[in-house]
C-alpha atoms as a PDB file:
ATOM      1  CA  MET A   1      -0.082  -0.172   0.210  1.00  0.00           C
ATOM      2  CA  LYS A   2       2.619   2.220   1.013  1.00  0.00           C
ATOM      3  CA  ASP A   3       4.232   2.156  -2.314  1.00  0.00           C
ATOM      4  CA  ARG A   4       1.109   2.665  -4.223  1.00  0.00           C
ATOM      5  CA  ALA A   5       0.855   5.733  -2.403  1.00  0.00           C
ATOM      6  CA  SER A   6       4.556   6.873  -2.948  1.00  0.00           C
ATOM      7  CA  ASN A   7       3.952   6.427  -6.926  1.00  0.00           C
ATOM      8  CA  ASP A   8       0.443   8.132  -6.793  1.00  0.00           C
ATOM      9  CA  GLN A   9       2.090  11.179  -5.253  1.00  0.00           C
ATOM     10  CA  HIS A  10       4.772  11.086  -7.726  1.00  0.00           C
ATOM     11  CA  LEU A  11       2.327  10.759 -10.944  1.00  0.00           C
ATOM     12  CA  LEU A  12       0.540  13.946  -9.133  1.00  0.00           C
ATOM     13  CA  ALA A  13       3.890  15.628  -8.787  1.00  0.00           C
ATOM     14  CA  VAL A  14       4.937  15.230 -12.571  1.00  0.00           C
ATOM     15  CA  MET A  15       1.344  16.196 -13.417  1.00  0.00           C
ATOM     16  CA  GLN A  16       1.496  19.276 -11.571  1.00  0.00           C
ATOM     17  CA  LYS A  17       4.742  19.961 -12.430  1.00  0.00           C
ATOM     18  CA  ALA A  18       4.009  19.166 -16.306  1.00  0.00           C
ATOM     19  CA  PHE A  19       0.646  21.917 -15.848  1.00  0.00           C
ATOM     20  CA  ASP A  20       3.034  24.614 -14.310  1.00  0.00           C
ATOM     21  CA  LYS A  21       5.551  23.933 -17.046  1.00  0.00           C
ATOM     22  CA  GLY A  22       3.067  24.103 -20.032  1.00  0.00           C
ATOM     23  CA  HIS A  23       1.305  27.118 -17.817  1.00  0.00           C
ATOM     24  CA  ASN A  24       4.682  29.330 -17.808  1.00  0.00           C
ATOM     25  CA  SER A  25       6.102  28.508 -21.332  1.00  0.00           C
ATOM     26  CA  HIS A  26       3.051  27.338 -23.382  1.00  0.00           C
ATOM     27  CA  MET A  27       3.942  24.349 -23.953  1.00  0.00           C
ATOM     28  CA  ASP A  28       1.317  22.195 -26.492  1.00  0.00           C
ATOM     29  CA  THR A  29       0.024  19.250 -25.463  1.00  0.00           C
ATOM     30  CA  GLU A  30       1.717  16.774 -27.292  1.00  0.00           C
ATOM     31  CA  LYS A  31       4.738  18.135 -25.812  1.00  0.00           C
ATOM     32  CA  MET A  32       3.601  17.954 -22.304  1.00  0.00           C
ATOM     33  CA  ILE A  33       2.552  14.292 -23.051  1.00  0.00           C
ATOM     34  CA  ASP A  34       6.217  13.784 -24.338  1.00  0.00           C
ATOM     35  CA  TRP A  35       7.588  15.388 -21.401  1.00  0.00           C
ATOM     36  CA  ILE A  36       4.979  13.845 -18.753  1.00  0.00           C
ATOM     37  CA  LYS A  37       6.300  10.334 -20.408  1.00  0.00           C
ATOM     38  CA  GLN A  38       9.938  11.319 -20.299  1.00  0.00           C
ATOM     39  CA  GLU A  39       9.694  12.282 -16.467  1.00  0.00           C
ATOM     40  CA  LEU A  40       8.032   8.969 -15.570  1.00  0.00           C
ATOM     41  CA  GLN A  41      10.169   7.059 -17.224  1.00  0.00           C
ATOM     42  CA  SER A  42      12.985   8.427 -15.674  1.00  0.00           C
ATOM     43  CA  GLY A  43      11.587   8.262 -12.079  1.00  0.00           C
ATOM     44  CA  TYR A  44      11.317   4.471 -12.733  1.00  0.00           C
ATOM     45  CA  ARG A  45      14.624   4.291 -13.745  1.00  0.00           C
ATOM     46  CA  LEU A  46      15.831   6.223 -10.657  1.00  0.00           C
ATOM     47  CA  GLU A  47      13.743   3.336  -8.364  1.00  0.00           C
ATOM     48  CA  ASP A  48      14.871   0.815 -10.444  1.00  0.00           C
ATOM     49  CA  ASN A  49      18.928   1.808  -9.813  1.00  0.00           C
ATOM     50  CA  LYS A  50      17.260   2.042  -5.982  1.00  0.00           C
ATOM     51  CA  ALA A  51      16.160  -1.334  -5.577  1.00  0.00           C
ATOM     52  CA  LEU A  52      19.689  -2.553  -7.100  1.00  0.00           C
END
């Protein structure tokens, strides 16, 4: 359960950051989605490295 809460919080933080970046730099939807994908993938890679 704790991992799920942590993942949910990470996802919400990334989404908030994307919203803020999009609002401040007038990022279009496609760029925002690509940025979110990249952030989430890099976050999972970081967590995978921590587990090792």
